[in-house]
Amino acid sequence: MSLRSGRDKATAVKTLLCLVQALEGRATTVELQNEITVQGTICDVDGRMNVQMVDATITLINGFQRTFPYFYIRGRNVRYVHIPCDINIMATIEERVKSAQRIVPLNQQRNELQILITRRKREQLQRQAANRSRRQT
């Protein structure tokens, strides 16, 4: 799972993207907006639902098939991702959410001192704004 930013991590947990990311390493079918289906093994899903597949077989509307060793699908082109029958959807989502909650980057962890400093700065800014409004009236 290549979630590069905090925003991608938050999006994955708040949407069903975490379910698609749980399919990494699994063989499945992805239907695209232009009626093309891609069958293969998902090797990576990023925060924008861009899917990378290996051993992919593409089937066009007319039934023509072509095989690629590696295939990249832009997230906005994905219409539907087939979930294999042996996956418990709710358990998978809950597991992903719990694992994402456990991982908090050090720069996002707030300690008591940081909270106190933030409160004091906010109070100072509020006082300055109040003083400015008094001077103007």
N, C-alpha and C. Protein backbone atom coordinates (compact mmCIF):
# COMPACT_ATOMS: atom_id res chain seq x y z
N MET A 1 0.86 -1.16 0.00
CA MET A 1 0.00 0.00 0.00
C MET A 1 0.91 1.22 0.00
N SER A 2 0.81 2.01 -1.05
CA SER A 2 1.69 3.17 -1.14
C SER A 2 0.91 4.44 -0.86
N LEU A 3 0.71 4.73 0.39
CA LEU A 3 0.06 5.97 0.79
C LEU A 3 1.15 6.95 1.15
N ARG A 4 1.36 7.92 0.29
CA ARG A 4 2.51 8.80 0.44
C ARG A 4 2.23 9.99 1.35
N SER A 5 1.00 10.43 1.43
CA SER A 5 0.72 11.62 2.24
C SER A 5 -0.32 11.31 3.30
N GLY A 6 -0.42 12.21 4.26
CA GLY A 6 -1.43 12.06 5.30
C GLY A 6 -2.83 12.13 4.73
N ARG A 7 -3.00 12.95 3.70
CA ARG A 7 -4.31 13.07 3.05
C ARG A 7 -4.73 11.74 2.41
N ASP A 8 -3.77 11.05 1.76
CA ASP A 8 -4.08 9.75 1.16
C ASP A 8 -4.47 8.73 2.23
N LYS A 9 -3.78 8.77 3.36
CA LYS A 9 -4.10 7.84 4.44
C LYS A 9 -5.49 8.10 4.99
N ALA A 10 -5.82 9.37 5.17
CA ALA A 10 -7.15 9.73 5.68
C ALA A 10 -8.24 9.35 4.70
N THR A 11 -8.00 9.57 3.41
CA THR A 11 -8.98 9.22 2.39
C THR A 11 -9.20 7.72 2.34
N ALA A 12 -8.13 6.96 2.45
CA ALA A 12 -8.25 5.51 2.38
C ALA A 12 -9.11 4.96 3.50
N VAL A 13 -8.99 5.54 4.68
CA VAL A 13 -9.75 5.04 5.83
C VAL A 13 -11.19 5.52 5.79
N LYS A 14 -11.43 6.71 5.26
CA LYS A 14 -12.78 7.27 5.25
C LYS A 14 -13.62 6.80 4.07
N THR A 15 -13.02 6.13 3.10
CA THR A 15 -13.75 5.65 1.93
C THR A 15 -13.53 4.15 1.77
N LEU A 16 -14.09 3.61 0.72
CA LEU A 16 -13.92 2.18 0.45
C LEU A 16 -12.60 1.88 -0.25
N LEU A 17 -11.76 2.88 -0.38
CA LEU A 17 -10.44 2.67 -0.98
C LEU A 17 -9.64 1.65 -0.18
N CYS A 18 -9.84 1.61 1.12
CA CYS A 18 -9.11 0.64 1.95
C CYS A 18 -9.47 -0.79 1.56
N LEU A 19 -10.68 -1.00 1.09
CA LEU A 19 -11.09 -2.34 0.65
C LEU A 19 -10.35 -2.73 -0.62
N VAL A 20 -10.22 -1.80 -1.55
CA VAL A 20 -9.49 -2.08 -2.79
C VAL A 20 -8.02 -2.30 -2.49
N GLN A 21 -7.47 -1.54 -1.54
CA GLN A 21 -6.07 -1.73 -1.17
C GLN A 21 -5.84 -3.07 -0.50
N ALA A 22 -6.87 -3.61 0.12
CA ALA A 22 -6.74 -4.93 0.75
C ALA A 22 -6.62 -6.03 -0.29
N LEU A 23 -6.94 -5.73 -1.53
CA LEU A 23 -6.86 -6.73 -2.60
C LEU A 23 -5.46 -6.83 -3.21
N GLU A 24 -4.51 -6.08 -2.70
CA GLU A 24 -3.15 -6.15 -3.23
C GLU A 24 -2.62 -7.57 -3.09
N GLY A 25 -2.08 -8.08 -4.19
CA GLY A 25 -1.58 -9.45 -4.21
C GLY A 25 -2.63 -10.47 -4.59
N ARG A 26 -3.85 -10.03 -4.85
CA ARG A 26 -4.95 -10.92 -5.20
C ARG A 26 -5.30 -10.78 -6.68
N ALA A 27 -5.74 -11.87 -7.28
CA ALA A 27 -6.22 -11.84 -8.66
C ALA A 27 -7.67 -11.39 -8.66
N THR A 28 -8.00 -10.42 -9.49
CA THR A 28 -9.35 -9.89 -9.55
C THR A 28 -9.60 -9.25 -10.91
N THR A 29 -10.80 -8.72 -11.08
CA THR A 29 -11.20 -8.05 -12.32
C THR A 29 -11.55 -6.61 -12.01
N VAL A 30 -11.07 -5.71 -12.87
CA VAL A 30 -11.39 -4.29 -12.75
C VAL A 30 -12.11 -3.87 -14.03
N GLU A 31 -13.30 -3.30 -13.87
CA GLU A 31 -14.05 -2.79 -15.02
C GLU A 31 -13.77 -1.31 -15.15
N LEU A 32 -13.54 -0.87 -16.39
CA LEU A 32 -13.22 0.53 -16.64
C LEU A 32 -14.44 1.27 -17.19
N GLN A 33 -14.36 2.60 -17.19
CA GLN A 33 -15.46 3.44 -17.65
C GLN A 33 -15.79 3.20 -19.12
N ASN A 34 -14.82 2.80 -19.92
CA ASN A 34 -15.03 2.62 -21.35
C ASN A 34 -15.39 1.18 -21.72
N GLU A 35 -15.98 0.44 -20.78
CA GLU A 35 -16.47 -0.92 -20.99
C GLU A 35 -15.37 -1.96 -21.16
N ILE A 36 -14.14 -1.62 -20.90
CA ILE A 36 -13.04 -2.58 -20.97
C ILE A 36 -12.89 -3.25 -19.61
N THR A 37 -12.60 -4.55 -19.61
CA THR A 37 -12.33 -5.24 -18.35
C THR A 37 -10.86 -5.67 -18.32
N VAL A 38 -10.27 -5.59 -17.14
CA VAL A 38 -8.88 -5.97 -16.95
C VAL A 38 -8.84 -7.02 -15.85
N GLN A 39 -8.32 -8.19 -16.19
CA GLN A 39 -8.17 -9.27 -15.20
C GLN A 39 -6.69 -9.45 -14.93
N GLY A 40 -6.34 -9.53 -13.66
CA GLY A 40 -4.95 -9.71 -13.30
C GLY A 40 -4.76 -9.64 -11.81
N THR A 41 -3.51 -9.56 -11.40
CA THR A 41 -3.16 -9.50 -9.98
C THR A 41 -2.82 -8.06 -9.63
N ILE A 42 -3.51 -7.53 -8.63
CA ILE A 42 -3.26 -6.16 -8.19
C ILE A 42 -1.96 -6.14 -7.38
N CYS A 43 -1.02 -5.29 -7.81
CA CYS A 43 0.24 -5.21 -7.06
C CYS A 43 0.33 -3.92 -6.25
N ASP A 44 -0.46 -2.89 -6.61
CA ASP A 44 -0.40 -1.65 -5.84
C ASP A 44 -1.64 -0.81 -6.12
N VAL A 45 -2.16 -0.17 -5.07
CA VAL A 45 -3.26 0.79 -5.19
C VAL A 45 -2.85 2.00 -4.36
N ASP A 46 -2.83 3.18 -4.99
CA ASP A 46 -2.42 4.37 -4.24
C ASP A 46 -3.63 5.13 -3.72
N GLY A 47 -3.38 6.27 -3.12
CA GLY A 47 -4.43 7.06 -2.48
C GLY A 47 -5.45 7.65 -3.42
N ARG A 48 -5.17 7.67 -4.71
CA ARG A 48 -6.11 8.18 -5.70
C ARG A 48 -6.77 7.05 -6.48
N MET A 49 -6.62 5.84 -5.98
CA MET A 49 -7.19 4.62 -6.55
C MET A 49 -6.58 4.27 -7.90
N ASN A 50 -5.38 4.75 -8.17
CA ASN A 50 -4.64 4.29 -9.34
C ASN A 50 -4.21 2.86 -9.06
N VAL A 51 -4.49 1.96 -9.99
CA VAL A 51 -4.26 0.53 -9.76
C VAL A 51 -3.13 0.06 -10.68
N GLN A 52 -2.19 -0.67 -10.11
CA GLN A 52 -1.13 -1.29 -10.89
C GLN A 52 -1.35 -2.79 -10.82
N MET A 53 -1.36 -3.43 -12.00
CA MET A 53 -1.63 -4.87 -12.07
C MET A 53 -0.50 -5.56 -12.81
N VAL A 54 -0.27 -6.82 -12.47
CA VAL A 54 0.69 -7.65 -13.19
C VAL A 54 -0.07 -8.81 -13.81
N ASP A 55 0.49 -9.36 -14.89
CA ASP A 55 -0.13 -10.45 -15.65
C ASP A 55 -1.58 -10.10 -15.99
N ALA A 56 -1.77 -8.94 -16.58
CA ALA A 56 -3.10 -8.42 -16.86
C ALA A 56 -3.58 -8.84 -18.24
N THR A 57 -4.83 -9.27 -18.31
CA THR A 57 -5.48 -9.59 -19.58
C THR A 57 -6.60 -8.59 -19.79
N ILE A 58 -6.52 -7.85 -20.89
CA ILE A 58 -7.51 -6.83 -21.21
C ILE A 58 -8.49 -7.40 -22.21
N THR A 59 -9.78 -7.22 -21.92
CA THR A 59 -10.83 -7.68 -22.82
C THR A 59 -11.63 -6.48 -23.29
N LEU A 60 -11.64 -6.26 -24.60
CA LEU A 60 -12.40 -5.16 -25.18
C LEU A 60 -13.86 -5.55 -25.34
N ILE A 61 -14.69 -4.58 -25.75
CA ILE A 61 -16.12 -4.83 -25.91
C ILE A 61 -16.38 -5.92 -26.94
N ASN A 62 -15.59 -5.94 -28.03
CA ASN A 62 -15.80 -6.92 -29.09
C ASN A 62 -15.23 -8.29 -28.76
N GLY A 63 -14.67 -8.47 -27.58
CA GLY A 63 -14.16 -9.76 -27.15
C GLY A 63 -12.67 -9.95 -27.41
N PHE A 64 -12.03 -9.01 -28.08
CA PHE A 64 -10.60 -9.09 -28.35
C PHE A 64 -9.84 -9.02 -27.03
N GLN A 65 -8.86 -9.92 -26.86
CA GLN A 65 -8.08 -9.95 -25.62
C GLN A 65 -6.60 -9.75 -25.92
N ARG A 66 -5.94 -9.12 -24.97
CA ARG A 66 -4.50 -8.92 -25.08
C ARG A 66 -3.92 -9.00 -23.68
N THR A 67 -2.74 -9.60 -23.56
CA THR A 67 -2.10 -9.80 -22.26
C THR A 67 -0.88 -8.88 -22.13
N PHE A 68 -0.74 -8.30 -20.94
CA PHE A 68 0.39 -7.43 -20.64
C PHE A 68 1.05 -7.91 -19.35
N PRO A 69 2.38 -7.85 -19.25
CA PRO A 69 3.03 -8.24 -17.99
C PRO A 69 2.79 -7.23 -16.87
N TYR A 70 2.56 -5.96 -17.24
CA TYR A 70 2.31 -4.89 -16.27
C TYR A 70 1.29 -3.94 -16.88
N PHE A 71 0.32 -3.51 -16.06
CA PHE A 71 -0.71 -2.61 -16.57
C PHE A 71 -1.07 -1.60 -15.50
N TYR A 72 -1.17 -0.33 -15.89
CA TYR A 72 -1.49 0.76 -14.98
C TYR A 72 -2.86 1.31 -15.33
N ILE A 73 -3.72 1.48 -14.32
CA ILE A 73 -5.06 2.02 -14.52
C ILE A 73 -5.19 3.29 -13.69
N ARG A 74 -5.54 4.36 -14.35
CA ARG A 74 -5.77 5.62 -13.64
C ARG A 74 -7.06 5.50 -12.84
N GLY A 75 -7.04 6.01 -11.62
CA GLY A 75 -8.17 5.85 -10.70
C GLY A 75 -9.49 6.38 -11.23
N ARG A 76 -9.46 7.47 -11.96
CA ARG A 76 -10.72 8.04 -12.46
C ARG A 76 -11.35 7.21 -13.56
N ASN A 77 -10.60 6.25 -14.12
CA ASN A 77 -11.14 5.38 -15.16
C ASN A 77 -11.78 4.11 -14.59
N VAL A 78 -11.63 3.88 -13.30
CA VAL A 78 -12.17 2.66 -12.68
C VAL A 78 -13.67 2.84 -12.45
N ARG A 79 -14.44 1.89 -12.94
CA ARG A 79 -15.88 1.89 -12.69
C ARG A 79 -16.22 0.94 -11.55
N TYR A 80 -15.61 -0.25 -11.56
CA TYR A 80 -15.99 -1.28 -10.61
C TYR A 80 -14.81 -2.22 -10.38
N VAL A 81 -14.62 -2.63 -9.16
CA VAL A 81 -13.59 -3.62 -8.82
C VAL A 81 -14.31 -4.83 -8.25
N HIS A 82 -14.10 -5.99 -8.85
CA HIS A 82 -14.73 -7.22 -8.36
C HIS A 82 -14.00 -7.68 -7.10
N ILE A 83 -14.77 -7.91 -6.05
CA ILE A 83 -14.21 -8.40 -4.79
C ILE A 83 -14.36 -9.92 -4.79
N PRO A 84 -13.27 -10.67 -4.59
CA PRO A 84 -13.37 -12.12 -4.56
C PRO A 84 -14.33 -12.59 -3.46
N CYS A 85 -14.99 -13.72 -3.70
CA CYS A 85 -16.01 -14.24 -2.78
C CYS A 85 -15.45 -14.60 -1.40
N ASP A 86 -14.19 -14.98 -1.33
CA ASP A 86 -13.64 -15.44 -0.06
C ASP A 86 -13.22 -14.30 0.88
N ILE A 87 -13.43 -13.06 0.48
CA ILE A 87 -13.07 -11.92 1.34
C ILE A 87 -14.29 -11.46 2.13
N ASN A 88 -14.13 -11.38 3.44
CA ASN A 88 -15.17 -10.83 4.30
C ASN A 88 -15.01 -9.31 4.28
N ILE A 89 -15.93 -8.64 3.61
CA ILE A 89 -15.79 -7.21 3.35
C ILE A 89 -15.73 -6.40 4.64
N MET A 90 -16.67 -6.61 5.55
CA MET A 90 -16.71 -5.82 6.78
C MET A 90 -15.47 -6.06 7.65
N ALA A 91 -15.06 -7.31 7.77
CA ALA A 91 -13.87 -7.60 8.58
C ALA A 91 -12.62 -6.96 7.98
N THR A 92 -12.54 -6.97 6.66
CA THR A 92 -11.39 -6.36 5.98
C THR A 92 -11.34 -4.86 6.21
N ILE A 93 -12.49 -4.20 6.09
CA ILE A 93 -12.54 -2.75 6.29
C ILE A 93 -12.19 -2.41 7.74
N GLU A 94 -12.76 -3.13 8.69
CA GLU A 94 -12.47 -2.87 10.11
C GLU A 94 -11.00 -3.07 10.42
N GLU A 95 -10.40 -4.10 9.84
CA GLU A 95 -8.98 -4.37 10.06
C GLU A 95 -8.12 -3.23 9.51
N ARG A 96 -8.46 -2.74 8.33
CA ARG A 96 -7.70 -1.63 7.73
C ARG A 96 -7.83 -0.35 8.55
N VAL A 97 -9.04 -0.08 9.04
CA VAL A 97 -9.25 1.14 9.83
C VAL A 97 -8.47 1.05 11.14
N LYS A 98 -8.50 -0.10 11.80
CA LYS A 98 -7.75 -0.27 13.05
C LYS A 98 -6.25 -0.12 12.82
N SER A 99 -5.74 -0.71 11.75
CA SER A 99 -4.30 -0.62 11.50
C SER A 99 -3.89 0.81 11.15
N ALA A 100 -4.77 1.55 10.47
CA ALA A 100 -4.45 2.95 10.14
C ALA A 100 -4.49 3.82 11.38
N GLN A 101 -5.35 3.51 12.34
CA GLN A 101 -5.43 4.31 13.56
C GLN A 101 -4.21 4.09 14.45
N ARG A 102 -3.61 2.92 14.36
CA ARG A 102 -2.42 2.64 15.17
C ARG A 102 -1.20 3.39 14.67
N ILE A 103 -1.15 3.66 13.37
CA ILE A 103 0.01 4.31 12.78
C ILE A 103 -0.23 5.80 12.73
N VAL A 104 0.43 6.54 13.61
CA VAL A 104 0.34 8.00 13.61
C VAL A 104 1.76 8.53 13.48
N PRO A 105 2.05 9.28 12.43
CA PRO A 105 3.41 9.82 12.27
C PRO A 105 3.81 10.68 13.47
N LEU A 106 5.09 10.69 13.77
CA LEU A 106 5.58 11.44 14.93
C LEU A 106 5.25 12.92 14.83
N ASN A 107 5.29 13.48 13.63
CA ASN A 107 5.02 14.90 13.50
C ASN A 107 3.54 15.22 13.70
N GLN A 108 2.66 14.22 13.73
CA GLN A 108 1.24 14.46 13.96
C GLN A 108 0.85 14.19 15.41
N GLN A 109 1.73 13.57 16.17
CA GLN A 109 1.43 13.32 17.58
C GLN A 109 1.62 14.62 18.35
N ARG A 110 0.61 14.99 19.09
CA ARG A 110 0.68 16.25 19.84
C ARG A 110 0.88 15.94 21.32
N ASN A 111 1.82 16.62 21.90
CA ASN A 111 1.99 16.45 23.34
C ASN A 111 1.40 17.65 24.06
N GLU A 112 1.41 17.60 25.37
CA GLU A 112 0.78 18.63 26.19
C GLU A 112 1.39 20.02 25.96
N LEU A 113 2.70 20.08 25.80
CA LEU A 113 3.36 21.36 25.60
C LEU A 113 2.91 22.02 24.29
N GLN A 114 2.81 21.23 23.23
CA GLN A 114 2.36 21.78 21.95
C GLN A 114 0.93 22.30 22.06
N ILE A 115 0.08 21.60 22.77
CA ILE A 115 -1.30 22.04 22.94
C ILE A 115 -1.35 23.35 23.71
N LEU A 116 -0.56 23.46 24.77
CA LEU A 116 -0.50 24.69 25.56
C LEU A 116 0.00 25.87 24.73
N ILE A 117 1.04 25.66 23.95
CA ILE A 117 1.58 26.73 23.09
C ILE A 117 0.54 27.17 22.08
N THR A 118 -0.16 26.24 21.49
CA THR A 118 -1.19 26.57 20.50
C THR A 118 -2.31 27.38 21.13
N ARG A 119 -2.74 27.00 22.32
CA ARG A 119 -3.81 27.75 23.01
C ARG A 119 -3.36 29.18 23.31
N ARG A 120 -2.14 29.33 23.79
CA ARG A 120 -1.65 30.67 24.13
C ARG A 120 -1.53 31.55 22.89
N LYS A 121 -1.07 30.99 21.79
CA LYS A 121 -0.98 31.77 20.55
C LYS A 121 -2.36 32.19 20.08
N ARG A 122 -3.33 31.28 20.18
CA ARG A 122 -4.69 31.60 19.78
C ARG A 122 -5.26 32.73 20.64
N GLU A 123 -5.05 32.64 21.96
CA GLU A 123 -5.52 33.69 22.86
C GLU A 123 -4.85 35.03 22.55
N GLN A 124 -3.57 34.99 22.26
CA GLN A 124 -2.84 36.22 21.94
C GLN A 124 -3.40 36.84 20.66
N LEU A 125 -3.67 36.05 19.65
CA LEU A 125 -4.24 36.56 18.40
C LEU A 125 -5.63 37.13 18.62
N GLN A 126 -6.42 36.50 19.48
CA GLN A 126 -7.76 37.01 19.76
C GLN A 126 -7.68 38.36 20.48
N ARG A 127 -6.74 38.50 21.42
CA ARG A 127 -6.57 39.78 22.10
C ARG A 127 -6.13 40.88 21.14
N GLN A 128 -5.21 40.55 20.24
CA GLN A 128 -4.75 41.54 19.26
C GLN A 128 -5.90 41.97 18.35
N ALA A 129 -6.72 41.03 17.93
CA ALA A 129 -7.87 41.37 17.08
C ALA A 129 -8.86 42.24 17.84
N ALA A 130 -9.09 41.95 19.12
CA ALA A 130 -10.01 42.76 19.93
C ALA A 130 -9.45 44.18 20.10
N ASN A 131 -8.15 44.31 20.34
CA ASN A 131 -7.53 45.64 20.48
C ASN A 131 -7.64 46.44 19.19
N ARG A 132 -7.46 45.80 18.05
CA ARG A 132 -7.58 46.49 16.77
C ARG A 132 -9.00 47.00 16.55
N SER A 133 -9.97 46.17 16.90
CA SER A 133 -11.36 46.59 16.69
C SER A 133 -11.74 47.74 17.62
N ARG A 134 -11.17 47.78 18.84
CA ARG A 134 -11.43 48.89 19.76
C ARG A 134 -10.83 50.19 19.23
N ARG A 135 -9.65 50.10 18.64
CA ARG A 135 -8.98 51.29 18.11
C ARG A 135 -9.75 51.87 16.92
N GLN A 136 -10.33 51.01 16.13
CA GLN A 136 -11.04 51.46 14.93
C GLN A 136 -12.37 52.13 15.28
N THR A 137 -12.96 51.78 16.40
CA THR A 137 -14.26 52.37 16.77
C THR A 137 -14.13 53.57 17.62
